[in-house]
Amino acid sequence: MTEQNDIPKALNPELHSKELIYKLEDRPPLPDALFAAFQHLLAIFVAIITPPLIIAGALKLDLETTSYLISMSLLASGISTFIQCRTVGPIGCGLLCIQGTSFSFISPIIGAGLNGGLAAIFGAVISGSVVEMFVSRVLRYTRKIITPLVSGVVVTLIGLSLIKVGVIACGGGFAAKENGTFGSYENLGLAAIVIVSILFFNRSSNRYLRMSSIVIGLIIGFVVATILGRVDFGQITSYGGFNIPTPFKYGLAFDPSAIIGLGIVYLITAIEAYGDVTANSLISGQPLEGEKFQKRSSGGILADGFNSMLAGCLNSFPNSIFAQNNGMIQLTGVASRYVGYFIAGFLVVLGLFPAVGKVFALIPDPVLGGATLLMFGTVAAAGIRIIAAQKLNRKAVLVMALSFSFGLSVEMVPEILTCLPKSIAGLLSSGITAGGIVAILSNGLIRIKED
């Protein structure tokens, strides 16, 4: 048995536990719990509302539909966070884990929406979630198929394909392409103001300014856009009332290509969730091995899948564990899962008030684009970091070469699929799907005897 002193500090849960103010099962006083919950909310609020904003913009949805999707995303995130923190039977990890829609899902969701509308999106969200729930039951075997190299390649492709979405928003969005103002000085200027603001506050030594840098950048951009007359509050006829969740409001449709596309991302997300639960267990002073840890990690991944299915029923998008909240636990020293109940409550309340969704639905595309361009860039950078941590032998180089070639080719020249049968073309139309399939197959099939 390994001696405690032989374990590096960075990987020693007990030493991390000693640095905590409130441990996993502690119940902080109400003021402390509310303050900690509010800090977590600041860290994840923009990340929760951004996916529905981007998807709605790409699908050219009206203000009412966009605001409703934002509200349902907040509501679904709140319910999912409660389940993850509280645990319901085998579902949930019982850690302070916050849930929201990962940027990884945006590209295949947009593809599904362009082909079959919102009904196809929610059909794929619900159907694809079965993949992640299945992975939670056979975790040890899937980790042999989805290796860190495959995960790194897919995450990098996700970031690179999303950058295109961010750039379009910076130029003014699809509406600007139609009216001829795409790429105007005003649009690019607004995006630049947001990017510079985020960079300025993100490099601050004040941790609260750094954590709120994206929120501050969006506020500054929104204010400037309002001064320029780019925000039309007249579109909102009422700020009052409540959003009553209506399951399957937009119907369901089941497109095989959309389901497969989302299924691959669910597969990768399951492995990412395992890493997030591991990191959270470490900083929360919990064991990283043994039956308790295996139950916790399997429950966390099962919750990811179950919560995503539930989100689809509520007209929202897949829910996965947010990694950024692990850093918040380290900053605040609060690992109590009971704080998660307050975070969940905040999200549910915000989701029930349509005014929240309507205000954020008014954010001009260039303002949102400035923030998302940086976010998507960090996704690609995260994938590169995963790849760089692996041994890059000849096989790894070939896997990367094939995956990036196939994935980026359909993103840059989609016409290459024109002569293929519609079912195959639809499946491979997403660079993430095409590159992900090639990465999994090539990693499993290529055999090279190293010298």
Protein backbone atom coordinates (compact mmCIF):
# COMPACT_ATOMS: atom_id res chain seq x y z
CA MET A 1 0.00 0.00 0.00
CA THR A 2 1.34 3.44 -0.93
CA GLU A 3 2.44 5.58 1.97
CA GLN A 4 0.61 8.91 2.32
CA ASN A 5 3.87 10.86 2.19
CA ASP A 6 4.80 9.20 -1.11
CA ILE A 7 1.73 10.63 -2.89
CA PRO A 8 2.39 13.92 -4.73
CA LYS A 9 0.49 16.81 -3.15
CA ALA A 10 -1.32 17.59 -6.41
CA LEU A 11 -2.81 14.07 -6.37
CA ASN A 12 -3.45 13.72 -2.65
CA PRO A 13 -7.18 14.13 -1.81
CA GLU A 14 -6.55 14.35 1.94
CA LEU A 15 -4.24 17.34 1.56
CA HIS A 16 -6.81 19.03 -0.69
CA SER A 17 -9.45 18.32 1.96
CA LYS A 18 -7.41 20.17 4.60
CA GLU A 19 -7.38 23.29 2.40
CA LEU A 20 -11.19 23.42 2.21
CA ILE A 21 -13.30 25.79 4.29
CA TYR A 22 -16.43 23.69 3.83
CA LYS A 23 -16.08 20.01 2.90
CA LEU A 24 -18.39 17.90 0.78
CA GLU A 25 -20.94 17.01 3.48
CA ASP A 26 -20.67 20.29 5.45
CA ARG A 27 -23.69 22.59 5.55
CA PRO A 28 -22.44 26.19 5.35
CA PRO A 29 -24.42 28.98 7.07
CA LEU A 30 -27.02 30.52 4.76
CA PRO A 31 -25.03 33.73 3.96
CA ASP A 32 -21.91 31.70 3.08
CA ALA A 33 -23.90 29.23 0.99
CA LEU A 34 -25.69 31.99 -0.94
CA PHE A 35 -22.44 33.88 -1.59
CA ALA A 36 -20.65 30.74 -2.81
CA ALA A 37 -23.65 29.83 -5.01
CA PHE A 38 -23.71 33.32 -6.54
CA GLN A 39 -20.02 33.06 -7.46
CA HIS A 40 -20.63 29.73 -9.20
CA LEU A 41 -23.60 31.28 -10.98
CA LEU A 42 -21.39 34.07 -12.34
CA ALA A 43 -18.92 31.50 -13.64
CA ILE A 44 -21.48 29.45 -15.57
CA PHE A 45 -24.38 31.77 -16.42
CA VAL A 46 -23.01 32.98 -19.75
CA ALA A 47 -21.92 29.44 -20.67
CA ILE A 48 -25.48 28.20 -20.09
CA ILE A 49 -27.27 30.85 -22.17
CA THR A 50 -24.71 30.99 -25.01
CA PRO A 51 -25.54 27.65 -26.74
CA PRO A 52 -29.27 28.43 -27.18
CA LEU A 53 -28.38 31.94 -28.38
CA ILE A 54 -25.97 30.60 -31.01
CA ILE A 55 -28.29 27.81 -32.12
CA ALA A 56 -31.27 30.18 -32.37
CA GLY A 57 -29.19 32.63 -34.40
CA ALA A 58 -28.01 29.94 -36.81
CA LEU A 59 -31.57 28.66 -37.27
CA LYS A 60 -32.97 32.22 -37.60
CA LEU A 61 -35.53 31.73 -34.85
CA ASP A 62 -37.76 34.60 -33.71
CA LEU A 63 -37.36 36.47 -30.40
CA GLU A 64 -40.09 34.58 -28.54
CA THR A 65 -38.70 31.16 -29.49
CA THR A 66 -35.14 32.24 -28.68
CA SER A 67 -36.08 33.60 -25.26
CA TYR A 68 -38.07 30.44 -24.49
CA LEU A 69 -35.09 28.22 -25.39
CA ILE A 70 -32.86 30.32 -23.10
CA SER A 71 -35.35 30.00 -20.25
CA MET A 72 -35.65 26.25 -20.70
CA SER A 73 -31.85 25.92 -20.76
CA LEU A 74 -31.66 27.65 -17.38
CA LEU A 75 -34.49 25.53 -16.01
CA ALA A 76 -32.99 22.26 -17.30
CA SER A 77 -29.57 23.20 -15.92
CA GLY A 78 -31.11 23.86 -12.51
CA ILE A 79 -32.95 20.53 -12.38
CA SER A 80 -29.89 18.67 -13.70
CA THR A 81 -27.58 20.32 -11.18
CA PHE A 82 -29.87 19.31 -8.31
CA ILE A 83 -29.97 15.69 -9.50
CA GLN A 84 -26.16 15.60 -9.91
CA CYS A 85 -25.51 17.04 -6.43
CA ARG A 86 -28.33 15.27 -4.56
CA THR A 87 -28.27 11.90 -6.39
CA VAL A 88 -31.48 10.01 -7.14
CA GLY A 89 -30.87 6.29 -6.74
CA PRO A 90 -27.86 5.44 -8.96
CA ILE A 91 -28.18 8.76 -10.83
CA GLY A 92 -25.78 11.51 -9.80
CA CYS A 93 -22.24 11.78 -8.42
CA GLY A 94 -23.08 13.51 -5.11
CA LEU A 95 -20.45 16.22 -5.68
CA LEU A 96 -20.75 19.97 -6.20
CA CYS A 97 -21.11 19.57 -9.96
CA ILE A 98 -22.94 22.12 -12.10
CA GLN A 99 -24.62 21.10 -15.36
CA GLY A 100 -25.16 22.96 -18.61
CA THR A 101 -24.94 22.49 -22.37
CA SER A 102 -21.41 21.84 -23.61
CA PHE A 103 -20.20 23.79 -26.65
CA SER A 104 -19.31 20.39 -28.11
CA PHE A 105 -22.95 19.83 -29.03
CA ILE A 106 -23.56 23.13 -30.84
CA SER A 107 -22.32 22.20 -34.31
CA PRO A 108 -24.21 18.88 -34.68
CA ILE A 109 -27.32 20.48 -33.15
CA ILE A 110 -27.24 23.28 -35.73
CA GLY A 111 -26.81 20.68 -38.47
CA ALA A 112 -29.81 18.72 -37.19
CA GLY A 113 -31.87 21.90 -36.92
CA LEU A 114 -31.08 23.04 -40.46
CA ASN A 115 -32.21 19.67 -41.81
CA GLY A 116 -35.23 18.94 -39.62
CA GLY A 117 -35.96 21.93 -37.38
CA LEU A 118 -36.35 21.92 -33.61
CA ALA A 119 -38.27 18.62 -33.67
CA ALA A 120 -35.23 16.83 -35.16
CA ILE A 121 -32.94 18.47 -32.60
CA PHE A 122 -34.93 17.34 -29.57
CA GLY A 123 -35.49 13.89 -31.06
CA ALA A 124 -31.72 13.49 -31.45
CA VAL A 125 -31.02 14.93 -27.98
CA ILE A 126 -33.34 12.38 -26.36
CA SER A 127 -32.28 9.40 -28.50
CA GLY A 128 -28.56 10.14 -28.37
CA SER A 129 -28.58 10.40 -24.57
CA VAL A 130 -28.95 6.61 -24.43
CA VAL A 131 -25.32 6.40 -25.59
CA GLU A 132 -24.03 8.18 -22.51
CA MET A 133 -26.26 6.22 -20.16
CA PHE A 134 -24.97 3.00 -21.72
CA VAL A 135 -21.37 4.18 -21.37
CA SER A 136 -21.93 4.73 -17.64
CA ARG A 137 -22.66 1.01 -17.27
CA VAL A 138 -19.63 -0.19 -19.30
CA LEU A 139 -17.20 2.59 -18.43
CA ARG A 140 -14.05 0.50 -18.18
CA TYR A 141 -14.49 -0.87 -21.72
CA THR A 142 -15.34 2.38 -23.50
CA ARG A 143 -12.18 3.99 -22.13
CA LYS A 144 -10.24 1.46 -24.21
CA ILE A 145 -12.02 2.64 -27.37
CA ILE A 146 -12.18 6.38 -26.68
CA THR A 147 -8.53 6.94 -25.78
CA PRO A 148 -7.13 10.35 -24.75
CA LEU A 149 -5.78 10.73 -28.29
CA VAL A 150 -9.24 10.22 -29.82
CA SER A 151 -10.79 12.57 -27.26
CA GLY A 152 -8.15 15.21 -27.99
CA VAL A 153 -8.73 14.99 -31.74
CA VAL A 154 -12.51 15.27 -31.40
CA VAL A 155 -12.34 18.16 -28.90
CA THR A 156 -9.94 20.00 -31.22
CA LEU A 157 -12.28 19.46 -34.18
CA ILE A 158 -15.18 20.74 -32.07
CA GLY A 159 -13.30 23.95 -31.29
CA LEU A 160 -12.12 24.48 -34.87
CA SER A 161 -15.58 23.91 -36.36
CA LEU A 162 -17.20 26.24 -33.82
CA ILE A 163 -14.75 29.06 -34.60
CA LYS A 164 -16.59 29.42 -37.93
CA VAL A 165 -19.83 30.00 -36.00
CA GLY A 166 -18.10 32.63 -33.84
CA VAL A 167 -16.63 34.44 -36.85
CA ILE A 168 -20.03 34.61 -38.58
CA ALA A 169 -21.50 36.15 -35.42
CA CYS A 170 -18.63 38.68 -35.24
CA GLY A 171 -19.39 39.76 -38.79
CA GLY A 172 -23.03 40.41 -37.91
CA GLY A 173 -24.63 36.98 -38.27
CA PHE A 174 -26.70 35.51 -41.07
CA ALA A 175 -29.03 38.52 -41.12
CA ALA A 176 -26.06 40.78 -41.94
CA LYS A 177 -25.12 38.45 -44.81
CA GLU A 178 -28.57 38.97 -46.27
CA ASN A 179 -28.70 42.78 -45.91
CA GLY A 180 -25.12 43.38 -47.04
CA THR A 181 -23.67 44.66 -43.75
CA PHE A 182 -21.67 41.52 -42.98
CA GLY A 183 -18.14 42.38 -41.85
CA SER A 184 -18.86 46.11 -41.53
CA TYR A 185 -16.61 48.29 -39.37
CA GLU A 186 -19.42 48.64 -36.84
CA ASN A 187 -19.93 44.89 -36.50
CA LEU A 188 -16.23 44.11 -36.27
CA GLY A 189 -15.74 47.04 -33.89
CA LEU A 190 -18.39 45.75 -31.49
CA ALA A 191 -16.83 42.28 -31.53
CA ALA A 192 -13.38 43.79 -30.94
CA ILE A 193 -14.61 45.83 -27.94
CA VAL A 194 -15.96 42.65 -26.32
CA ILE A 195 -12.77 40.66 -27.00
CA VAL A 196 -10.49 43.42 -25.67
CA SER A 197 -12.70 43.90 -22.58
CA ILE A 198 -12.64 40.18 -21.77
CA LEU A 199 -8.87 39.99 -22.22
CA PHE A 200 -8.37 43.08 -20.05
CA PHE A 201 -10.39 41.79 -17.11
CA ASN A 202 -9.26 38.19 -17.53
CA ARG A 203 -5.63 39.18 -16.90
CA SER A 204 -6.59 41.04 -13.71
CA SER A 205 -5.04 39.93 -10.43
CA ASN A 206 -8.46 40.31 -8.80
CA ARG A 207 -10.03 36.85 -8.92
CA TYR A 208 -13.60 38.18 -9.00
CA LEU A 209 -12.89 40.39 -12.00
CA ARG A 210 -11.18 37.46 -13.71
CA MET A 211 -14.12 35.12 -13.04
CA SER A 212 -16.58 37.74 -14.30
CA SER A 213 -14.54 38.80 -17.35
CA ILE A 214 -16.94 37.32 -19.93
CA VAL A 215 -20.00 38.76 -18.18
CA ILE A 216 -18.35 42.21 -17.99
CA GLY A 217 -17.26 42.01 -21.64
CA LEU A 218 -20.81 41.21 -22.75
CA ILE A 219 -22.25 44.04 -20.63
CA ILE A 220 -19.79 46.56 -22.10
CA GLY A 221 -20.56 45.37 -25.62
CA PHE A 222 -24.31 45.46 -24.97
CA VAL A 223 -24.13 49.03 -23.62
CA VAL A 224 -22.10 50.22 -26.63
CA ALA A 225 -24.50 48.46 -29.00
CA THR A 226 -27.45 50.14 -27.26
CA ILE A 227 -25.80 53.58 -27.67
CA LEU A 228 -25.32 52.81 -31.38
CA GLY A 229 -29.01 51.93 -31.70
CA ARG A 230 -28.36 48.23 -32.29
CA VAL A 231 -30.66 47.02 -29.49
CA ASP A 232 -34.37 47.25 -30.15
CA PHE A 233 -36.20 47.00 -26.83
CA GLY A 234 -39.42 47.63 -28.72
CA GLN A 235 -39.43 43.95 -29.76
CA ILE A 236 -40.36 43.05 -26.20
CA THR A 237 -44.05 43.65 -25.57
CA SER A 238 -43.99 42.40 -21.98
CA TYR A 239 -41.40 41.53 -19.35
CA GLY A 240 -43.90 39.95 -16.97
CA GLY A 241 -45.45 36.55 -16.48
CA PHE A 242 -44.00 33.09 -16.00
CA ASN A 243 -42.60 30.53 -18.38
CA ILE A 244 -44.64 27.39 -17.98
CA PRO A 245 -42.55 24.39 -19.13
CA THR A 246 -44.38 22.57 -21.92
CA PRO A 247 -42.78 19.18 -22.65
CA PHE A 248 -42.35 18.42 -26.37
CA LYS A 249 -43.62 21.88 -27.29
CA TYR A 250 -41.93 21.77 -30.70
CA GLY A 251 -42.60 18.10 -31.38
CA LEU A 252 -40.17 15.24 -32.00
CA ALA A 253 -38.59 13.87 -35.15
CA PHE A 254 -35.92 11.18 -35.39
CA ASP A 255 -33.24 11.76 -38.02
CA PRO A 256 -30.68 8.89 -38.00
CA SER A 257 -27.79 11.12 -39.14
CA ALA A 258 -28.55 13.69 -36.42
CA ILE A 259 -28.80 10.96 -33.78
CA ILE A 260 -25.47 9.42 -34.81
CA GLY A 261 -23.81 12.85 -34.89
CA LEU A 262 -24.96 13.69 -31.39
CA GLY A 263 -24.26 10.14 -30.23
CA ILE A 264 -20.56 10.53 -31.02
CA VAL A 265 -20.40 13.75 -29.00
CA TYR A 266 -22.25 12.02 -26.13
CA LEU A 267 -19.57 9.33 -26.24
CA ILE A 268 -16.77 11.89 -25.94
CA THR A 269 -18.69 13.85 -23.29
CA ALA A 270 -18.97 10.70 -21.17
CA ILE A 271 -15.18 10.41 -21.05
CA GLU A 272 -14.88 14.13 -20.29
CA ALA A 273 -17.43 13.72 -17.47
CA TYR A 274 -15.27 10.96 -16.00
CA GLY A 275 -12.33 13.37 -15.95
CA ASP A 276 -14.46 16.13 -14.41
CA VAL A 277 -15.73 13.84 -11.65
CA THR A 278 -12.15 12.70 -10.99
CA ALA A 279 -10.91 16.30 -10.72
CA ASN A 280 -13.86 17.29 -8.52
CA SER A 281 -13.31 14.28 -6.25
CA LEU A 282 -9.66 15.23 -5.88
CA ILE A 283 -10.22 18.86 -4.89
CA SER A 284 -13.14 17.84 -2.65
CA GLY A 285 -10.92 15.48 -0.70
CA GLN A 286 -12.69 12.32 -1.89
CA PRO A 287 -11.06 9.00 -2.86
CA LEU A 288 -9.85 8.53 -6.45
CA GLU A 289 -10.10 4.76 -6.48
CA GLY A 290 -12.14 1.94 -5.05
CA GLU A 291 -15.83 1.06 -5.11
CA LYS A 292 -16.99 4.46 -3.81
CA PHE A 293 -15.19 6.33 -6.59
CA GLN A 294 -16.39 3.93 -9.29
CA LYS A 295 -19.99 4.35 -8.08
CA ARG A 296 -19.55 8.13 -8.02
CA SER A 297 -18.07 8.34 -11.54
CA SER A 298 -20.63 5.95 -13.06
CA GLY A 299 -23.44 7.86 -11.35
CA GLY A 300 -22.11 11.16 -12.67
CA ILE A 301 -22.00 9.92 -16.26
CA LEU A 302 -25.42 8.28 -15.91
CA ALA A 303 -26.76 11.62 -14.65
CA ASP A 304 -25.24 13.37 -17.68
CA GLY A 305 -27.21 11.07 -19.98
CA PHE A 306 -30.43 11.07 -17.95
CA ASN A 307 -30.37 14.85 -17.51
CA SER A 308 -29.80 15.30 -21.24
CA MET A 309 -32.85 13.15 -21.99
CA LEU A 310 -34.85 15.19 -19.47
CA ALA A 311 -33.59 18.42 -21.05
CA GLY A 312 -34.73 17.24 -24.49
CA CYS A 313 -38.21 16.59 -23.10
CA LEU A 314 -38.23 20.17 -21.73
CA ASN A 315 -37.22 21.67 -25.12
CA SER A 316 -33.60 22.19 -24.09
CA PHE A 317 -30.22 20.84 -25.13
CA PRO A 318 -27.86 18.16 -23.71
CA ASN A 319 -26.54 18.72 -20.20
CA SER A 320 -23.03 17.84 -19.08
CA ILE A 321 -20.77 18.66 -16.14
CA PHE A 322 -19.08 22.07 -16.31
CA ALA A 323 -15.35 21.79 -15.64
CA GLN A 324 -14.93 25.49 -14.76
CA ASN A 325 -16.71 24.99 -11.44
CA ASN A 326 -13.86 22.78 -10.25
CA GLY A 327 -11.65 25.86 -10.35
CA MET A 328 -14.29 27.79 -8.42
CA ILE A 329 -14.18 25.20 -5.62
CA GLN A 330 -10.42 25.70 -5.37
CA LEU A 331 -10.77 29.48 -5.34
CA THR A 332 -13.52 29.63 -2.71
CA GLY A 333 -12.55 26.60 -0.60
CA VAL A 334 -16.22 25.53 -0.63
CA ALA A 335 -16.85 21.96 -1.80
CA SER A 336 -20.18 21.44 -0.03
CA ARG A 337 -22.67 19.77 -2.35
CA TYR A 338 -25.46 21.56 -0.48
CA VAL A 339 -24.33 24.78 -2.16
CA GLY A 340 -25.37 23.08 -5.38
CA TYR A 341 -28.98 23.11 -4.18
CA PHE A 342 -28.89 26.93 -4.02
CA ILE A 343 -27.26 27.14 -7.47
CA ALA A 344 -29.97 24.85 -8.82
CA GLY A 345 -32.64 27.02 -7.18
CA PHE A 346 -31.21 30.20 -8.73
CA LEU A 347 -31.19 28.60 -12.19
CA VAL A 348 -34.75 27.29 -11.91
CA VAL A 349 -36.09 30.67 -10.76
CA LEU A 350 -34.27 32.49 -13.57
CA GLY A 351 -35.67 29.99 -16.06
CA LEU A 352 -39.26 30.58 -14.94
CA PHE A 353 -39.12 34.32 -15.68
CA PRO A 354 -39.33 35.07 -19.43
CA ALA A 355 -37.82 38.53 -18.92
CA VAL A 356 -34.37 36.95 -18.43
CA GLY A 357 -34.47 35.10 -21.74
CA LYS A 358 -35.93 38.06 -23.61
CA VAL A 359 -33.23 40.50 -22.48
CA PHE A 360 -30.41 38.14 -23.44
CA ALA A 361 -32.11 37.33 -26.75
CA LEU A 362 -31.61 41.01 -27.66
CA ILE A 363 -27.80 40.73 -27.57
CA PRO A 364 -26.57 41.69 -31.07
CA ASP A 365 -24.66 38.99 -32.97
CA PRO A 366 -21.30 40.86 -33.01
CA VAL A 367 -21.39 41.28 -29.21
CA LEU A 368 -22.11 37.60 -28.66
CA GLY A 369 -19.61 36.67 -31.37
CA GLY A 370 -16.78 38.51 -29.64
CA ALA A 371 -17.29 36.44 -26.49
CA THR A 372 -17.92 33.10 -28.18
CA LEU A 373 -14.93 33.42 -30.51
CA LEU A 374 -12.65 33.37 -27.48
CA MET A 375 -14.62 30.56 -25.84
CA PHE A 376 -14.45 28.38 -28.94
CA GLY A 377 -10.74 29.09 -29.30
CA THR A 378 -10.19 27.78 -25.78
CA VAL A 379 -12.09 24.58 -26.69
CA ALA A 380 -9.66 23.95 -29.57
CA ALA A 381 -6.72 24.79 -27.28
CA ALA A 382 -8.01 22.29 -24.70
CA GLY A 383 -8.05 19.58 -27.37
CA ILE A 384 -4.50 20.41 -28.40
CA ARG A 385 -3.39 20.16 -24.76
CA ILE A 386 -4.93 16.68 -24.51
CA ILE A 387 -3.11 15.59 -27.68
CA ALA A 388 0.19 17.13 -26.55
CA ALA A 389 0.05 15.10 -23.33
CA GLN A 390 0.11 11.84 -25.32
CA LYS A 391 3.02 9.97 -26.84
CA LEU A 392 2.95 11.10 -30.48
CA ASN A 393 4.36 8.05 -32.27
CA ARG A 394 3.80 7.16 -35.93
CA LYS A 395 0.37 5.69 -35.27
CA ALA A 396 -0.77 8.80 -33.38
CA VAL A 397 0.40 11.05 -36.20
CA LEU A 398 -1.48 8.96 -38.78
CA VAL A 399 -4.66 8.97 -36.66
CA MET A 400 -4.47 12.77 -36.33
CA ALA A 401 -3.69 13.25 -40.03
CA LEU A 402 -6.64 11.15 -41.16
CA SER A 403 -9.08 12.59 -38.62
CA PHE A 404 -8.25 16.24 -39.22
CA SER A 405 -8.20 15.72 -43.01
CA PHE A 406 -11.65 14.16 -43.12
CA GLY A 407 -13.14 16.39 -40.44
CA LEU A 408 -11.93 19.73 -41.75
CA SER A 409 -12.49 18.83 -45.42
CA VAL A 410 -16.28 18.52 -45.02
CA GLU A 411 -16.32 21.74 -42.99
CA MET A 412 -14.37 23.75 -45.57
CA VAL A 413 -15.70 22.11 -48.76
CA PRO A 414 -19.11 20.58 -47.97
CA GLU A 415 -19.75 20.14 -51.71
CA ILE A 416 -17.42 17.12 -51.62
CA LEU A 417 -20.40 15.09 -50.34
CA THR A 418 -22.76 16.09 -53.15
CA CYS A 419 -22.63 12.80 -55.09
CA LEU A 420 -22.99 10.54 -52.04
CA PRO A 421 -26.35 9.04 -51.01
CA LYS A 422 -28.32 11.51 -48.88
CA SER A 423 -28.19 9.30 -45.80
CA ILE A 424 -24.37 9.05 -45.90
CA ALA A 425 -23.93 12.71 -46.86
CA GLY A 426 -26.15 13.75 -43.96
CA LEU A 427 -24.15 11.63 -41.54
CA LEU A 428 -20.78 13.00 -42.68
CA SER A 429 -21.88 16.62 -43.15
CA SER A 430 -20.57 17.55 -39.69
CA GLY A 431 -16.80 17.76 -39.40
CA ILE A 432 -17.06 16.55 -35.81
CA THR A 433 -18.96 13.42 -36.86
CA ALA A 434 -16.75 12.68 -39.86
CA GLY A 435 -13.50 13.31 -37.98
CA GLY A 436 -14.75 11.51 -34.86
CA ILE A 437 -15.73 8.35 -36.76
CA VAL A 438 -12.38 8.31 -38.58
CA ALA A 439 -10.49 8.89 -35.30
CA ILE A 440 -12.23 5.96 -33.57
CA LEU A 441 -11.82 3.59 -36.54
CA SER A 442 -8.22 4.52 -37.39
CA ASN A 443 -7.14 4.35 -33.74
CA GLY A 444 -8.62 0.86 -33.45
CA LEU A 445 -7.54 -0.51 -36.83
CA ILE A 446 -4.08 0.93 -37.46
CA ARG A 447 -1.34 -1.34 -36.19
CA ILE A 448 2.28 -0.23 -36.38
CA LYS A 449 5.20 -2.06 -34.85
CA GLU A 450 7.46 0.66 -33.48
CA ASP A 451 11.21 0.24 -34.00
